[in-house]
Amino acid sequence: MAILRLFASAREAAGVGRDELPGHTVGELLAVAQGRYGSAFTAVLGSCKIWVNGESADADTVISARDEVAVLPPVSGGAV
């Protein structure tokens, strides 16, 4: 099982920052995550970037048990 790392609003929606999930592709892993974490996570996921081992990835990217899949929501902010 690959390691799923969740950041910012994705972590808040899922209620966890790290998990191990099955899947042969990023898309399969994220489908399992959506089933596990529910609609709030699914809503956030649509605006997120996905990285595998520090490199940009998409749903068709093949993964293995040694891989780390990171879900990174957009970040905003700044000084007032």
N, C-alpha and C. Protein backbone atom coordinates (compact mmCIF):
# COMPACT_ATOMS: atom_id res chain seq x y z
N MET A 1 0.84 -1.19 0.00
CA MET A 1 0.00 0.00 0.00
C MET A 1 0.89 1.24 0.00
N ALA A 2 0.50 2.21 -0.80
CA ALA A 2 1.22 3.47 -0.88
C ALA A 2 0.85 4.37 0.30
N ILE A 3 1.72 5.30 0.61
CA ILE A 3 1.48 6.26 1.67
C ILE A 3 0.79 7.48 1.08
N LEU A 4 -0.32 7.86 1.67
CA LEU A 4 -1.05 9.06 1.26
C LEU A 4 -0.78 10.14 2.29
N ARG A 5 -0.28 11.29 1.84
CA ARG A 5 -0.04 12.44 2.72
C ARG A 5 -1.00 13.54 2.32
N LEU A 6 -1.71 14.08 3.30
CA LEU A 6 -2.71 15.12 3.06
C LEU A 6 -2.29 16.40 3.77
N PHE A 7 -2.47 17.53 3.09
CA PHE A 7 -2.05 18.81 3.63
C PHE A 7 -3.22 19.80 3.66
N ALA A 8 -3.13 20.75 4.59
CA ALA A 8 -4.05 21.89 4.70
C ALA A 8 -5.51 21.44 4.70
N SER A 9 -6.32 21.99 3.79
CA SER A 9 -7.77 21.70 3.80
C SER A 9 -8.07 20.24 3.48
N ALA A 10 -7.20 19.56 2.73
CA ALA A 10 -7.41 18.13 2.47
C ALA A 10 -7.26 17.34 3.75
N ARG A 11 -6.28 17.70 4.57
CA ARG A 11 -6.08 17.04 5.86
C ARG A 11 -7.28 17.31 6.78
N GLU A 12 -7.75 18.54 6.80
CA GLU A 12 -8.90 18.89 7.64
C GLU A 12 -10.15 18.13 7.22
N ALA A 13 -10.38 18.02 5.91
CA ALA A 13 -11.58 17.33 5.41
C ALA A 13 -11.53 15.83 5.71
N ALA A 14 -10.33 15.25 5.62
CA ALA A 14 -10.19 13.81 5.85
C ALA A 14 -10.10 13.46 7.33
N GLY A 15 -9.60 14.39 8.13
CA GLY A 15 -9.42 14.12 9.54
C GLY A 15 -8.12 13.40 9.87
N VAL A 16 -7.27 13.21 8.87
CA VAL A 16 -5.95 12.59 9.06
C VAL A 16 -4.94 13.27 8.15
N GLY A 17 -3.69 13.18 8.51
CA GLY A 17 -2.63 13.74 7.68
C GLY A 17 -1.86 12.70 6.90
N ARG A 18 -2.00 11.43 7.32
CA ARG A 18 -1.25 10.35 6.69
C ARG A 18 -2.05 9.06 6.80
N ASP A 19 -1.98 8.26 5.72
CA ASP A 19 -2.67 6.97 5.72
C ASP A 19 -1.96 6.07 4.73
N GLU A 20 -2.20 4.79 4.80
CA GLU A 20 -1.71 3.84 3.81
C GLU A 20 -2.92 3.24 3.12
N LEU A 21 -2.94 3.36 1.78
CA LEU A 21 -4.10 2.91 1.02
C LEU A 21 -3.67 2.07 -0.17
N PRO A 22 -4.52 1.14 -0.61
CA PRO A 22 -4.20 0.34 -1.78
C PRO A 22 -4.49 1.09 -3.08
N GLY A 23 -3.87 0.62 -4.14
CA GLY A 23 -4.12 1.16 -5.47
C GLY A 23 -2.91 0.97 -6.35
N HIS A 24 -3.15 0.68 -7.62
CA HIS A 24 -2.05 0.52 -8.57
C HIS A 24 -1.76 1.82 -9.32
N THR A 25 -2.71 2.75 -9.27
CA THR A 25 -2.54 4.06 -9.88
C THR A 25 -2.98 5.12 -8.87
N VAL A 26 -2.59 6.36 -9.13
CA VAL A 26 -3.04 7.46 -8.29
C VAL A 26 -4.56 7.51 -8.26
N GLY A 27 -5.21 7.34 -9.40
CA GLY A 27 -6.66 7.39 -9.47
C GLY A 27 -7.32 6.33 -8.59
N GLU A 28 -6.79 5.11 -8.60
CA GLU A 28 -7.34 4.05 -7.75
C GLU A 28 -7.17 4.39 -6.28
N LEU A 29 -6.00 4.87 -5.91
CA LEU A 29 -5.74 5.25 -4.52
C LEU A 29 -6.68 6.36 -4.07
N LEU A 30 -6.86 7.38 -4.92
CA LEU A 30 -7.73 8.49 -4.55
C LEU A 30 -9.19 8.07 -4.48
N ALA A 31 -9.60 7.09 -5.29
CA ALA A 31 -10.97 6.57 -5.20
C ALA A 31 -11.19 5.90 -3.85
N VAL A 32 -10.20 5.14 -3.39
CA VAL A 32 -10.30 4.52 -2.06
C VAL A 32 -10.36 5.61 -1.00
N ALA A 33 -9.53 6.64 -1.14
CA ALA A 33 -9.52 7.75 -0.17
C ALA A 33 -10.88 8.45 -0.13
N GLN A 34 -11.48 8.68 -1.28
CA GLN A 34 -12.79 9.34 -1.31
C GLN A 34 -13.84 8.49 -0.61
N GLY A 35 -13.79 7.19 -0.81
CA GLY A 35 -14.72 6.30 -0.11
C GLY A 35 -14.51 6.30 1.39
N ARG A 36 -13.26 6.40 1.79
CA ARG A 36 -12.94 6.37 3.22
C ARG A 36 -13.25 7.70 3.91
N TYR A 37 -12.96 8.82 3.26
CA TYR A 37 -13.05 10.14 3.91
C TYR A 37 -14.32 10.92 3.59
N GLY A 38 -15.08 10.51 2.58
CA GLY A 38 -16.38 11.10 2.33
C GLY A 38 -16.43 12.33 1.45
N SER A 39 -17.60 12.95 1.44
CA SER A 39 -17.89 14.03 0.49
C SER A 39 -17.10 15.31 0.75
N ALA A 40 -16.78 15.62 1.99
CA ALA A 40 -15.99 16.83 2.26
C ALA A 40 -14.61 16.71 1.64
N PHE A 41 -14.01 15.53 1.75
CA PHE A 41 -12.71 15.30 1.13
C PHE A 41 -12.81 15.34 -0.39
N THR A 42 -13.83 14.71 -0.93
CA THR A 42 -14.04 14.70 -2.38
C THR A 42 -14.17 16.13 -2.92
N ALA A 43 -14.88 16.99 -2.20
CA ALA A 43 -15.06 18.38 -2.63
C ALA A 43 -13.73 19.13 -2.68
N VAL A 44 -12.87 18.90 -1.71
CA VAL A 44 -11.56 19.56 -1.67
C VAL A 44 -10.64 19.00 -2.75
N LEU A 45 -10.72 17.72 -2.98
CA LEU A 45 -9.81 17.04 -3.91
C LEU A 45 -9.83 17.65 -5.31
N GLY A 46 -10.97 18.14 -5.75
CA GLY A 46 -11.09 18.70 -7.09
C GLY A 46 -10.18 19.87 -7.39
N SER A 47 -9.74 20.58 -6.36
CA SER A 47 -8.87 21.74 -6.58
C SER A 47 -7.42 21.47 -6.21
N CYS A 48 -7.10 20.22 -5.87
CA CYS A 48 -5.77 19.89 -5.38
C CYS A 48 -4.82 19.46 -6.49
N LYS A 49 -3.54 19.65 -6.23
CA LYS A 49 -2.47 19.10 -7.07
C LYS A 49 -2.02 17.81 -6.42
N ILE A 50 -1.65 16.84 -7.23
CA ILE A 50 -1.20 15.54 -6.74
C ILE A 50 0.26 15.35 -7.13
N TRP A 51 1.04 14.92 -6.17
CA TRP A 51 2.47 14.67 -6.39
C TRP A 51 2.79 13.26 -5.92
N VAL A 52 3.65 12.57 -6.65
CA VAL A 52 4.14 11.26 -6.24
C VAL A 52 5.65 11.37 -6.10
N ASN A 53 6.12 11.12 -4.90
CA ASN A 53 7.55 11.19 -4.60
C ASN A 53 8.16 12.52 -5.04
N GLY A 54 7.42 13.60 -4.83
CA GLY A 54 7.93 14.94 -5.12
C GLY A 54 7.80 15.39 -6.56
N GLU A 55 7.11 14.62 -7.39
CA GLU A 55 6.92 14.99 -8.79
C GLU A 55 5.44 15.03 -9.12
N SER A 56 5.06 15.99 -9.95
CA SER A 56 3.67 16.14 -10.35
C SER A 56 3.15 14.85 -10.98
N ALA A 57 1.90 14.50 -10.65
CA ALA A 57 1.31 13.25 -11.14
C ALA A 57 -0.14 13.47 -11.51
N ASP A 58 -0.70 12.50 -12.24
CA ASP A 58 -2.12 12.54 -12.57
C ASP A 58 -2.74 11.19 -12.21
N ALA A 59 -4.01 11.03 -12.51
CA ALA A 59 -4.74 9.82 -12.11
C ALA A 59 -4.16 8.55 -12.72
N ASP A 60 -3.51 8.64 -13.87
CA ASP A 60 -2.98 7.46 -14.54
C ASP A 60 -1.57 7.08 -14.08
N THR A 61 -0.97 7.87 -13.22
CA THR A 61 0.38 7.58 -12.74
C THR A 61 0.38 6.28 -11.93
N VAL A 62 1.24 5.35 -12.32
CA VAL A 62 1.35 4.06 -11.65
C VAL A 62 2.14 4.25 -10.36
N ILE A 63 1.65 3.61 -9.28
CA ILE A 63 2.31 3.71 -7.98
C ILE A 63 2.56 2.32 -7.41
N SER A 64 3.49 2.27 -6.45
CA SER A 64 3.77 1.02 -5.75
C SER A 64 3.74 1.26 -4.25
N ALA A 65 3.97 0.21 -3.49
CA ALA A 65 3.92 0.30 -2.04
C ALA A 65 5.00 1.23 -1.47
N ARG A 66 6.05 1.49 -2.20
CA ARG A 66 7.13 2.35 -1.72
C ARG A 66 6.89 3.82 -2.01
N ASP A 67 5.81 4.15 -2.70
CA ASP A 67 5.58 5.52 -3.14
C ASP A 67 4.80 6.33 -2.11
N GLU A 68 5.04 7.65 -2.15
CA GLU A 68 4.31 8.60 -1.31
C GLU A 68 3.51 9.51 -2.23
N VAL A 69 2.20 9.52 -2.04
CA VAL A 69 1.28 10.34 -2.83
C VAL A 69 0.84 11.51 -1.95
N ALA A 70 1.13 12.73 -2.40
CA ALA A 70 0.80 13.92 -1.63
C ALA A 70 -0.35 14.66 -2.30
N VAL A 71 -1.32 15.08 -1.48
CA VAL A 71 -2.46 15.87 -1.95
C VAL A 71 -2.28 17.29 -1.41
N LEU A 72 -2.07 18.24 -2.34
CA LEU A 72 -1.76 19.62 -1.98
C LEU A 72 -2.82 20.58 -2.48
N PRO A 73 -3.65 21.09 -1.58
CA PRO A 73 -4.65 22.09 -1.96
C PRO A 73 -3.98 23.41 -2.33
N PRO A 74 -4.68 24.28 -3.06
CA PRO A 74 -4.12 25.58 -3.36
C PRO A 74 -3.90 26.36 -2.07
N VAL A 75 -2.86 27.18 -2.08
CA VAL A 75 -2.53 27.97 -0.90
C VAL A 75 -2.75 29.43 -1.21
N SER A 76 -3.35 30.13 -0.28
CA SER A 76 -3.53 31.58 -0.45
C SER A 76 -3.10 32.26 0.82
N GLY A 77 -2.94 33.52 0.73
CA GLY A 77 -2.54 34.26 1.92
C GLY A 77 -1.72 35.46 1.52
N GLY A 78 -1.23 36.14 2.51
CA GLY A 78 -0.40 37.30 2.26
C GLY A 78 -0.51 38.27 3.42
N ALA A 79 0.27 39.28 3.34
CA ALA A 79 0.28 40.29 4.40
C ALA A 79 -0.84 41.29 4.21
N VAL A 80 -1.33 41.81 5.29
CA VAL A 80 -2.39 42.82 5.24
C VAL A 80 -1.81 44.14 5.65
